[in-house]
């Protein structure tokens, strides 16, 4: 559960989600990632650290650059967890729908007998 906690904590920030969206298009350096934001490079670096600690990104070394890369495994785990609960609630809603239909049928029959 710890991995999920750090994944969801990292995803809770809109800047970090925007960074992940950018990295989904391909690897980027800190400078490239900082361009669209009105933030300093150290502020972006702090966001990158949170993402890296959550396992959502990794750093590669290419000559003088250290581009960041999106890692999808933690996102897959989060999706799987969410899907499990979505399915559970879907089943519960189906049961509730059935009960409501049954009650409506009973009420309609009662109204017709009056």
N, C-alpha and C. Protein backbone atom coordinates (compact mmCIF):
# COMPACT_ATOMS: atom_id res chain seq x y z
N UNK A 1 0.83 -1.19 0.00
CA UNK A 1 0.00 0.00 0.00
C UNK A 1 0.87 1.26 0.00
N UNK A 2 2.08 1.16 0.54
CA UNK A 2 2.98 2.32 0.60
C UNK A 2 3.23 2.88 -0.79
N UNK A 3 3.45 2.00 -1.77
CA UNK A 3 3.69 2.48 -3.13
C UNK A 3 2.49 3.25 -3.67
N UNK A 4 1.29 2.72 -3.39
CA UNK A 4 0.08 3.43 -3.83
C UNK A 4 -0.03 4.78 -3.14
N UNK A 5 0.31 4.83 -1.85
CA UNK A 5 0.25 6.09 -1.12
C UNK A 5 1.15 7.14 -1.76
N UNK A 6 2.37 6.75 -2.08
CA UNK A 6 3.30 7.71 -2.68
C UNK A 6 2.87 8.07 -4.10
N UNK A 7 2.30 7.12 -4.82
CA UNK A 7 1.81 7.41 -6.17
C UNK A 7 0.68 8.43 -6.12
N UNK A 8 -0.32 8.18 -5.26
CA UNK A 8 -1.45 9.11 -5.18
C UNK A 8 -1.02 10.46 -4.61
N UNK A 9 -0.08 10.46 -3.67
CA UNK A 9 0.41 11.74 -3.12
C UNK A 9 1.10 12.55 -4.22
N UNK A 10 1.89 11.87 -5.05
CA UNK A 10 2.57 12.57 -6.15
C UNK A 10 1.56 13.08 -7.18
N UNK A 11 0.52 12.29 -7.44
CA UNK A 11 -0.49 12.68 -8.43
C UNK A 11 -1.43 13.76 -7.92
N UNK A 12 -1.40 14.03 -6.62
CA UNK A 12 -2.32 15.02 -6.03
C UNK A 12 -2.01 16.45 -6.47
N UNK A 13 -0.83 16.68 -7.01
CA UNK A 13 -0.42 18.03 -7.40
C UNK A 13 -0.56 18.22 -8.91
N UNK A 14 -1.22 19.30 -9.31
CA UNK A 14 -1.47 19.53 -10.74
C UNK A 14 -0.18 19.76 -11.54
N UNK A 15 0.82 20.37 -10.92
CA UNK A 15 2.09 20.58 -11.63
C UNK A 15 2.75 19.24 -11.93
N UNK A 16 2.73 18.34 -10.95
CA UNK A 16 3.34 17.03 -11.17
C UNK A 16 2.57 16.24 -12.23
N UNK A 17 1.25 16.36 -12.23
CA UNK A 17 0.46 15.68 -13.28
C UNK A 17 0.82 16.25 -14.66
N UNK A 18 0.99 17.56 -14.73
CA UNK A 18 1.38 18.19 -16.01
C UNK A 18 2.76 17.72 -16.45
N UNK A 19 3.67 17.56 -15.50
CA UNK A 19 5.01 17.06 -15.83
C UNK A 19 4.90 15.65 -16.39
N UNK A 20 4.07 14.81 -15.77
CA UNK A 20 3.90 13.44 -16.26
C UNK A 20 3.29 13.44 -17.67
N UNK A 21 2.36 14.34 -17.92
CA UNK A 21 1.77 14.43 -19.26
C UNK A 21 2.84 14.81 -20.29
N UNK A 22 3.72 15.71 -19.90
CA UNK A 22 4.81 16.11 -20.80
C UNK A 22 5.75 14.94 -21.04
N UNK A 23 6.08 14.19 -19.99
CA UNK A 23 6.99 13.06 -20.13
C UNK A 23 6.35 11.90 -20.91
N UNK A 24 5.03 11.86 -20.96
CA UNK A 24 4.36 10.83 -21.77
C UNK A 24 4.69 11.01 -23.25
N UNK A 25 5.09 12.21 -23.63
CA UNK A 25 5.46 12.49 -25.03
C UNK A 25 6.91 12.14 -25.32
N UNK A 26 7.72 11.95 -24.27
CA UNK A 26 9.12 11.61 -24.45
C UNK A 26 9.98 12.16 -23.33
N UNK A 27 11.20 11.68 -23.26
CA UNK A 27 12.13 12.11 -22.22
C UNK A 27 12.40 13.61 -22.32
N UNK A 28 12.64 14.23 -21.16
CA UNK A 28 12.92 15.68 -21.13
C UNK A 28 13.90 16.00 -20.02
N UNK A 29 14.67 17.05 -20.23
CA UNK A 29 15.57 17.54 -19.19
C UNK A 29 14.79 18.45 -18.25
N UNK A 30 15.41 18.79 -17.13
CA UNK A 30 14.77 19.69 -16.16
C UNK A 30 14.46 21.03 -16.82
N UNK A 31 15.38 21.54 -17.60
CA UNK A 31 15.18 22.83 -18.27
C UNK A 31 13.98 22.77 -19.22
N UNK A 32 13.87 21.68 -19.97
CA UNK A 32 12.74 21.53 -20.89
C UNK A 32 11.42 21.42 -20.12
N UNK A 33 11.46 20.71 -19.00
CA UNK A 33 10.25 20.55 -18.20
C UNK A 33 9.84 21.85 -17.51
N UNK A 34 10.82 22.68 -17.18
CA UNK A 34 10.54 23.93 -16.46
C UNK A 34 9.94 25.01 -17.36
N UNK A 35 10.20 24.94 -18.66
CA UNK A 35 9.77 26.01 -19.59
C UNK A 35 8.30 26.41 -19.48
N UNK A 36 7.35 25.48 -19.53
CA UNK A 36 5.94 25.92 -19.53
C UNK A 36 5.42 26.43 -18.18
N UNK A 37 6.21 26.26 -17.14
CA UNK A 37 5.75 26.65 -15.80
C UNK A 37 6.40 27.96 -15.37
N UNK A 38 5.67 28.72 -14.60
CA UNK A 38 6.22 29.95 -14.03
C UNK A 38 6.83 29.61 -12.69
N UNK A 39 7.85 28.76 -12.74
CA UNK A 39 8.55 28.30 -11.54
C UNK A 39 10.04 28.30 -11.79
N UNK A 40 10.76 28.35 -10.71
CA UNK A 40 12.21 28.27 -10.82
C UNK A 40 12.61 26.82 -11.09
N UNK A 41 13.82 26.66 -11.56
CA UNK A 41 14.34 25.30 -11.78
C UNK A 41 14.38 24.51 -10.47
N UNK A 42 14.79 25.12 -9.33
CA UNK A 42 14.77 24.36 -8.07
C UNK A 42 13.36 23.89 -7.69
N UNK A 43 12.34 24.71 -7.97
CA UNK A 43 10.96 24.30 -7.66
C UNK A 43 10.56 23.10 -8.51
N UNK A 44 10.90 23.13 -9.78
CA UNK A 44 10.61 21.99 -10.66
C UNK A 44 11.38 20.77 -10.19
N UNK A 45 12.63 20.98 -9.79
CA UNK A 45 13.45 19.86 -9.30
C UNK A 45 12.83 19.21 -8.07
N UNK A 46 12.20 20.01 -7.20
CA UNK A 46 11.52 19.43 -6.03
C UNK A 46 10.34 18.56 -6.47
N UNK A 47 9.60 19.03 -7.46
CA UNK A 47 8.49 18.22 -7.99
C UNK A 47 9.03 16.92 -8.60
N UNK A 48 10.12 17.03 -9.32
CA UNK A 48 10.72 15.84 -9.94
C UNK A 48 11.19 14.85 -8.89
N UNK A 49 11.70 15.36 -7.78
CA UNK A 49 12.15 14.48 -6.70
C UNK A 49 10.97 13.68 -6.14
N UNK A 50 9.83 14.34 -5.94
CA UNK A 50 8.64 13.64 -5.43
C UNK A 50 8.21 12.56 -6.43
N UNK A 51 8.20 12.90 -7.71
CA UNK A 51 7.82 11.94 -8.74
C UNK A 51 8.79 10.77 -8.80
N UNK A 52 10.07 11.07 -8.64
CA UNK A 52 11.08 10.00 -8.69
C UNK A 52 10.98 9.10 -7.46
N UNK A 53 10.76 9.69 -6.29
CA UNK A 53 10.61 8.89 -5.07
C UNK A 53 9.38 7.99 -5.14
N UNK A 54 8.36 8.42 -5.86
CA UNK A 54 7.15 7.61 -6.04
C UNK A 54 7.34 6.56 -7.14
N UNK A 55 8.47 6.61 -7.83
CA UNK A 55 8.74 5.66 -8.90
C UNK A 55 8.05 6.00 -10.21
N UNK A 56 7.48 7.20 -10.30
CA UNK A 56 6.75 7.59 -11.50
C UNK A 56 7.66 8.07 -12.63
N UNK A 57 8.87 8.49 -12.27
CA UNK A 57 9.85 8.89 -13.29
C UNK A 57 11.21 8.32 -12.90
N UNK A 58 12.09 8.26 -13.87
CA UNK A 58 13.47 7.86 -13.61
C UNK A 58 14.38 8.84 -14.34
N UNK A 59 15.63 8.87 -13.91
CA UNK A 59 16.62 9.74 -14.52
C UNK A 59 17.64 8.88 -15.25
N UNK A 60 17.93 9.26 -16.48
CA UNK A 60 18.97 8.59 -17.24
C UNK A 60 20.13 9.57 -17.43
N UNK A 61 21.29 9.05 -17.71
CA UNK A 61 22.45 9.91 -17.93
C UNK A 61 22.84 9.78 -19.40
N UNK A 62 22.86 10.92 -20.07
CA UNK A 62 23.20 10.96 -21.49
C UNK A 62 24.16 12.13 -21.68
N UNK A 63 25.44 11.82 -21.78
CA UNK A 63 26.49 12.84 -21.88
C UNK A 63 26.37 13.80 -20.69
N UNK A 64 26.16 15.08 -20.94
CA UNK A 64 26.04 16.08 -19.87
C UNK A 64 24.61 16.22 -19.36
N UNK A 65 23.67 15.60 -20.04
CA UNK A 65 22.26 15.75 -19.68
C UNK A 65 21.78 14.61 -18.78
N UNK A 66 20.72 14.90 -18.05
CA UNK A 66 20.08 13.89 -17.21
C UNK A 66 18.56 13.94 -17.48
N UNK A 67 18.16 13.44 -18.65
CA UNK A 67 16.73 13.50 -18.97
C UNK A 67 15.90 12.60 -18.05
N UNK A 68 14.67 13.04 -17.83
CA UNK A 68 13.73 12.26 -17.03
C UNK A 68 12.84 11.46 -17.97
N UNK A 69 12.43 10.30 -17.48
CA UNK A 69 11.60 9.38 -18.27
C UNK A 69 10.42 8.93 -17.43
N UNK A 70 9.26 8.83 -18.06
CA UNK A 70 8.06 8.35 -17.40
C UNK A 70 8.17 6.85 -17.15
N UNK A 71 7.82 6.43 -15.95
CA UNK A 71 7.76 5.01 -15.59
C UNK A 71 6.29 4.66 -15.37
N UNK A 72 5.79 3.71 -16.11
CA UNK A 72 4.35 3.44 -16.10
C UNK A 72 3.90 2.41 -15.07
N UNK A 73 4.80 1.63 -14.51
CA UNK A 73 4.39 0.57 -13.57
C UNK A 73 3.58 1.09 -12.38
N UNK A 74 4.00 2.19 -11.72
CA UNK A 74 3.19 2.68 -10.60
C UNK A 74 1.80 3.16 -11.04
N UNK A 75 1.72 3.73 -12.23
CA UNK A 75 0.42 4.17 -12.75
C UNK A 75 -0.48 2.96 -13.00
N UNK A 76 0.10 1.88 -13.51
CA UNK A 76 -0.66 0.65 -13.75
C UNK A 76 -1.20 0.10 -12.44
N UNK A 77 -0.39 0.11 -11.39
CA UNK A 77 -0.85 -0.37 -10.08
C UNK A 77 -2.00 0.49 -9.57
N UNK A 78 -1.90 1.80 -9.75
CA UNK A 78 -2.97 2.70 -9.30
C UNK A 78 -4.25 2.44 -10.10
N UNK A 79 -4.11 2.25 -11.40
CA UNK A 79 -5.27 1.96 -12.25
C UNK A 79 -5.92 0.65 -11.82
N UNK A 80 -5.11 -0.37 -11.56
CA UNK A 80 -5.64 -1.67 -11.12
C UNK A 80 -6.40 -1.53 -9.81
N UNK A 81 -5.86 -0.76 -8.88
CA UNK A 81 -6.51 -0.56 -7.58
C UNK A 81 -7.85 0.16 -7.78
N UNK A 82 -7.84 1.21 -8.57
CA UNK A 82 -9.07 1.97 -8.83
C UNK A 82 -10.10 1.08 -9.53
N UNK A 83 -9.66 0.29 -10.49
CA UNK A 83 -10.56 -0.58 -11.25
C UNK A 83 -11.22 -1.62 -10.34
N UNK A 84 -10.47 -2.14 -9.40
CA UNK A 84 -11.04 -3.12 -8.46
C UNK A 84 -12.22 -2.50 -7.71
N UNK A 85 -12.06 -1.30 -7.24
CA UNK A 85 -13.13 -0.63 -6.51
C UNK A 85 -14.25 -0.17 -7.43
N UNK A 86 -13.93 0.21 -8.65
CA UNK A 86 -14.96 0.58 -9.61
C UNK A 86 -15.87 -0.61 -9.88
N UNK A 87 -15.27 -1.79 -10.06
CA UNK A 87 -16.05 -3.00 -10.31
C UNK A 87 -16.93 -3.33 -9.10
N UNK A 88 -16.38 -3.19 -7.90
CA UNK A 88 -17.16 -3.47 -6.69
C UNK A 88 -18.38 -2.55 -6.63
N UNK A 89 -18.16 -1.25 -6.85
CA UNK A 89 -19.27 -0.30 -6.78
C UNK A 89 -20.25 -0.52 -7.92
N UNK A 90 -19.78 -0.90 -9.07
CA UNK A 90 -20.66 -1.20 -10.20
C UNK A 90 -21.61 -2.34 -9.84
N UNK A 91 -21.07 -3.39 -9.21
CA UNK A 91 -21.92 -4.51 -8.78
C UNK A 91 -22.95 -4.06 -7.76
N UNK A 92 -22.52 -3.23 -6.82
CA UNK A 92 -23.46 -2.74 -5.80
C UNK A 92 -24.56 -1.88 -6.42
N UNK A 93 -24.21 -1.06 -7.39
CA UNK A 93 -25.21 -0.23 -8.07
C UNK A 93 -26.19 -1.10 -8.86
N UNK A 94 -25.69 -2.18 -9.46
CA UNK A 94 -26.58 -3.08 -10.19
C UNK A 94 -27.58 -3.74 -9.23
N UNK A 95 -27.11 -4.15 -8.05
CA UNK A 95 -28.00 -4.73 -7.05
C UNK A 95 -29.03 -3.70 -6.62
N UNK A 96 -28.59 -2.49 -6.36
CA UNK A 96 -29.50 -1.42 -5.96
C UNK A 96 -30.53 -1.13 -7.05
N UNK A 97 -30.08 -1.10 -8.31
CA UNK A 97 -31.01 -0.89 -9.42
C UNK A 97 -32.08 -1.98 -9.45
N UNK A 98 -31.66 -3.23 -9.22
CA UNK A 98 -32.60 -4.34 -9.19
C UNK A 98 -33.62 -4.19 -8.08
N UNK A 99 -33.16 -3.80 -6.90
CA UNK A 99 -34.06 -3.60 -5.77
C UNK A 99 -35.04 -2.45 -6.04
N UNK A 100 -34.56 -1.38 -6.62
CA UNK A 100 -35.44 -0.25 -6.94
C UNK A 100 -36.50 -0.64 -7.97
N UNK A 101 -36.11 -1.42 -8.97
CA UNK A 101 -37.08 -1.90 -9.96
C UNK A 101 -38.13 -2.77 -9.30
N UNK A 102 -37.68 -3.64 -8.40
CA UNK A 102 -38.59 -4.53 -7.68
C UNK A 102 -39.58 -3.71 -6.84
N UNK A 103 -39.09 -2.71 -6.14
CA UNK A 103 -39.97 -1.86 -5.33
C UNK A 103 -40.95 -1.09 -6.21
N UNK A 104 -40.48 -0.63 -7.34
CA UNK A 104 -41.35 0.11 -8.26
C UNK A 104 -42.45 -0.81 -8.81
N UNK A 105 -42.10 -2.05 -9.12
CA UNK A 105 -43.08 -3.02 -9.60
C UNK A 105 -44.13 -3.29 -8.53
N UNK A 106 -43.69 -3.48 -7.29
CA UNK A 106 -44.61 -3.73 -6.18
C UNK A 106 -45.54 -2.53 -6.00
N UNK A 107 -44.99 -1.33 -6.06
CA UNK A 107 -45.80 -0.12 -5.89
C UNK A 107 -46.81 0.03 -7.03
N UNK A 108 -46.37 -0.25 -8.25
CA UNK A 108 -47.27 -0.15 -9.41
C UNK A 108 -48.42 -1.14 -9.28
N UNK A 109 -48.12 -2.38 -8.86
CA UNK A 109 -49.17 -3.39 -8.67
C UNK A 109 -50.13 -2.96 -7.57
N UNK A 110 -49.60 -2.39 -6.50
CA UNK A 110 -50.45 -1.91 -5.40
C UNK A 110 -51.36 -0.79 -5.84
N UNK A 111 -50.84 0.11 -6.68
CA UNK A 111 -51.65 1.22 -7.18
C UNK A 111 -52.76 0.72 -8.11
N UNK A 112 -52.48 -0.33 -8.88
CA UNK A 112 -53.46 -0.87 -9.82
C UNK A 112 -54.59 -1.59 -9.09
N UNK A 113 -54.31 -2.15 -7.91
CA UNK A 113 -55.31 -2.89 -7.15
C UNK A 113 -56.28 -1.96 -6.42
N UNK A 114 -55.94 -0.72 -6.28
CA UNK A 114 -56.80 0.23 -5.54
C UNK A 114 -57.99 0.64 -6.32
